[in-house]
């Protein structure tokens, strides 16, 4: 089996900048390629928006948006093509009606 650089973010349950652990310290993720997105709804009409930004969210920095669910507890998984979505600054996620979000990245 060949080594991989793919990692998973720390799960979030509200709008926040995505982080990873370095040792035992949660640290904001800088440059990354989004490979997959997984989330679960807390109600109907859940949504996730991911921005190439640290906190300021404008339409020009939006790189991913998904809407799903007709009720609570519906899962959402989306796999991206091999090159993924490139984020040069950070990954800031805005959640609505969403219990949690986890992003796979490299």
C-alpha atoms as a PDB file:
ATOM      1  CA  UNK A   1       0.000   0.000   0.000  1.00  0.00           C
ATOM      2  CA  UNK A   2       1.411   3.395  -0.925  1.00  0.00           C
ATOM      3  CA  UNK A   3       1.544   6.264   1.583  1.00  0.00           C
ATOM      4  CA  UNK A   4      -0.981   9.078   1.341  1.00  0.00           C
ATOM      5  CA  UNK A   5      -1.175  12.689   2.447  1.00  0.00           C
ATOM      6  CA  UNK A   6      -4.970  12.623   2.770  1.00  0.00           C
ATOM      7  CA  UNK A   7      -6.247  13.820   6.144  1.00  0.00           C
ATOM      8  CA  UNK A   8      -9.566  14.596   7.776  1.00  0.00           C
ATOM      9  CA  UNK A   9     -10.581  17.816   9.505  1.00  0.00           C
ATOM     10  CA  UNK A  10     -11.751  17.991  13.083  1.00  0.00           C
ATOM     11  CA  UNK A  11     -15.564  17.697  12.964  1.00  0.00           C
ATOM     12  CA  UNK A  12     -17.413  20.986  13.431  1.00  0.00           C
ATOM     13  CA  UNK A  13     -21.047  21.564  14.382  1.00  0.00           C
ATOM     14  CA  UNK A  14     -21.300  25.292  13.657  1.00  0.00           C
ATOM     15  CA  UNK A  15     -19.762  27.873  11.338  1.00  0.00           C
ATOM     16  CA  UNK A  16     -15.980  27.867  11.802  1.00  0.00           C
ATOM     17  CA  UNK A  17     -12.583  27.706  10.104  1.00  0.00           C
ATOM     18  CA  UNK A  18     -11.655  24.062   9.509  1.00  0.00           C
ATOM     19  CA  UNK A  19      -8.854  22.684  11.644  1.00  0.00           C
ATOM     20  CA  UNK A  20      -6.598  19.655  12.052  1.00  0.00           C
ATOM     21  CA  UNK A  21      -4.607  18.340  14.984  1.00  0.00           C
ATOM     22  CA  UNK A  22      -0.867  18.893  15.133  1.00  0.00           C
ATOM     23  CA  UNK A  23       0.052  16.713  18.077  1.00  0.00           C
ATOM     24  CA  UNK A  24      -2.740  17.589  20.503  1.00  0.00           C
ATOM     25  CA  UNK A  25      -3.217  21.186  19.336  1.00  0.00           C
ATOM     26  CA  UNK A  26      -6.100  22.150  17.017  1.00  0.00           C
ATOM     27  CA  UNK A  27      -4.632  24.290  14.224  1.00  0.00           C
ATOM     28  CA  UNK A  28      -6.267  26.101  11.303  1.00  0.00           C
ATOM     29  CA  UNK A  29      -5.646  24.417   7.958  1.00  0.00           C
ATOM     30  CA  UNK A  30      -3.887  26.646   5.432  1.00  0.00           C
ATOM     31  CA  UNK A  31      -3.283  25.514   1.853  1.00  0.00           C
ATOM     32  CA  UNK A  32      -5.312  22.382   1.033  1.00  0.00           C
ATOM     33  CA  UNK A  33      -7.211  20.477  -1.638  1.00  0.00           C
ATOM     34  CA  UNK A  34     -10.705  19.368  -0.677  1.00  0.00           C
ATOM     35  CA  UNK A  35     -11.169  15.694  -1.614  1.00  0.00           C
ATOM     36  CA  UNK A  36     -14.504  14.822   0.037  1.00  0.00           C
ATOM     37  CA  UNK A  37     -17.215  16.393   2.167  1.00  0.00           C
ATOM     38  CA  UNK A  38     -19.378  14.573   4.707  1.00  0.00           C
ATOM     39  CA  UNK A  39     -22.158  16.086   6.799  1.00  0.00           C
ATOM     40  CA  UNK A  40     -25.417  15.276   8.562  1.00  0.00           C
ATOM     41  CA  UNK A  41     -28.569  17.389   8.670  1.00  0.00           C
ATOM     42  CA  UNK A  42     -30.179  18.587  11.889  1.00  0.00           C
ATOM     43  CA  UNK A  43     -33.346  19.610  10.007  1.00  0.00           C
ATOM     44  CA  UNK A  44     -34.706  19.880   6.485  1.00  0.00           C
ATOM     45  CA  UNK A  45     -32.921  22.107   3.954  1.00  0.00           C
ATOM     46  CA  UNK A  46     -29.428  21.690   5.388  1.00  0.00           C
ATOM     47  CA  UNK A  47     -26.564  23.469   3.691  1.00  0.00           C
ATOM     48  CA  UNK A  48     -22.780  23.687   3.767  1.00  0.00           C
ATOM     49  CA  UNK A  49     -20.709  26.427   2.178  1.00  0.00           C
ATOM     50  CA  UNK A  50     -16.926  26.311   2.145  1.00  0.00           C
ATOM     51  CA  UNK A  51     -14.896  29.425   1.425  1.00  0.00           C
ATOM     52  CA  UNK A  52     -11.232  29.857   0.515  1.00  0.00           C
ATOM     53  CA  UNK A  53     -10.829  32.245   3.454  1.00  0.00           C
ATOM     54  CA  UNK A  54     -10.085  32.395   7.167  1.00  0.00           C
ATOM     55  CA  UNK A  55     -13.343  34.009   8.235  1.00  0.00           C
ATOM     56  CA  UNK A  56     -14.509  36.684   5.826  1.00  0.00           C
ATOM     57  CA  UNK A  57     -17.049  35.050   3.555  1.00  0.00           C
ATOM     58  CA  UNK A  58     -17.779  36.686   0.209  1.00  0.00           C
ATOM     59  CA  UNK A  59     -19.173  35.250  -2.995  1.00  0.00           C
ATOM     60  CA  UNK A  60     -15.763  35.587  -4.651  1.00  0.00           C
ATOM     61  CA  UNK A  61     -14.169  33.153  -2.157  1.00  0.00           C
ATOM     62  CA  UNK A  62     -16.949  30.507  -2.214  1.00  0.00           C
ATOM     63  CA  UNK A  63     -15.483  27.215  -3.509  1.00  0.00           C
ATOM     64  CA  UNK A  64     -18.129  24.625  -2.496  1.00  0.00           C
ATOM     65  CA  UNK A  65     -21.845  24.680  -1.717  1.00  0.00           C
ATOM     66  CA  UNK A  66     -24.233  21.824  -1.040  1.00  0.00           C
ATOM     67  CA  UNK A  67     -27.894  21.655  -0.033  1.00  0.00           C
ATOM     68  CA  UNK A  68     -29.704  18.466   0.946  1.00  0.00           C
ATOM     69  CA  UNK A  69     -32.188  16.850   3.347  1.00  0.00           C
ATOM     70  CA  UNK A  70     -35.909  16.710   3.789  1.00  0.00           C
ATOM     71  CA  UNK A  71     -35.569  15.954   7.514  1.00  0.00           C
ATOM     72  CA  UNK A  72     -33.070  15.672  10.362  1.00  0.00           C
ATOM     73  CA  UNK A  73     -30.354  12.987  10.451  1.00  0.00           C
ATOM     74  CA  UNK A  74     -29.914  12.650   6.683  1.00  0.00           C
ATOM     75  CA  UNK A  75     -26.304  12.087   5.697  1.00  0.00           C
ATOM     76  CA  UNK A  76     -24.506  13.789   2.824  1.00  0.00           C
ATOM     77  CA  UNK A  77     -21.274  12.532   1.268  1.00  0.00           C
ATOM     78  CA  UNK A  78     -19.650  14.051  -1.802  1.00  0.00           C
ATOM     79  CA  UNK A  79     -16.401  12.857  -3.366  1.00  0.00           C
ATOM     80  CA  UNK A  80     -14.494  15.225  -5.629  1.00  0.00           C
ATOM     81  CA  UNK A  81     -12.352  14.333  -8.650  1.00  0.00           C
ATOM     82  CA  UNK A  82      -8.698  13.451  -7.863  1.00  0.00           C
ATOM     83  CA  UNK A  83      -7.379  17.030  -8.054  1.00  0.00           C
ATOM     84  CA  UNK A  84     -10.079  18.244  -5.638  1.00  0.00           C
ATOM     85  CA  UNK A  85     -10.865  21.888  -4.917  1.00  0.00           C
ATOM     86  CA  UNK A  86      -7.790  24.002  -4.207  1.00  0.00           C
ATOM     87  CA  UNK A  87      -7.888  26.408  -1.261  1.00  0.00           C
ATOM     88  CA  UNK A  88      -4.858  28.697  -1.137  1.00  0.00           C
ATOM     89  CA  UNK A  89      -5.721  30.503   2.108  1.00  0.00           C
ATOM     90  CA  UNK A  90      -7.810  28.335   4.450  1.00  0.00           C
ATOM     91  CA  UNK A  91     -11.178  26.564   4.567  1.00  0.00           C
ATOM     92  CA  UNK A  92     -13.966  28.442   6.337  1.00  0.00           C
ATOM     93  CA  UNK A  93     -17.277  26.579   6.546  1.00  0.00           C
ATOM     94  CA  UNK A  94     -20.733  28.049   7.036  1.00  0.00           C
ATOM     95  CA  UNK A  95     -23.330  25.516   8.226  1.00  0.00           C
ATOM     96  CA  UNK A  96     -27.097  25.747   8.279  1.00  0.00           C
ATOM     97  CA  UNK A  97     -29.353  23.018   9.738  1.00  0.00           C
ATOM     98  CA  UNK A  98     -26.274  20.817   9.963  1.00  0.00           C
ATOM     99  CA  UNK A  99     -25.249  18.599  12.916  1.00  0.00           C
ATOM    100  CA  UNK A 100     -21.652  18.197  11.778  1.00  0.00           C
ATOM    101  CA  UNK A 101     -19.213  18.606   8.907  1.00  0.00           C
ATOM    102  CA  UNK A 102     -16.002  16.703   8.184  1.00  0.00           C
ATOM    103  CA  UNK A 103     -13.799  17.412   5.156  1.00  0.00           C
ATOM    104  CA  UNK A 104     -11.194  15.051   3.705  1.00  0.00           C
ATOM    105  CA  UNK A 105      -8.254  17.013   2.286  1.00  0.00           C
ATOM    106  CA  UNK A 106      -4.617  16.873   1.293  1.00  0.00           C
END
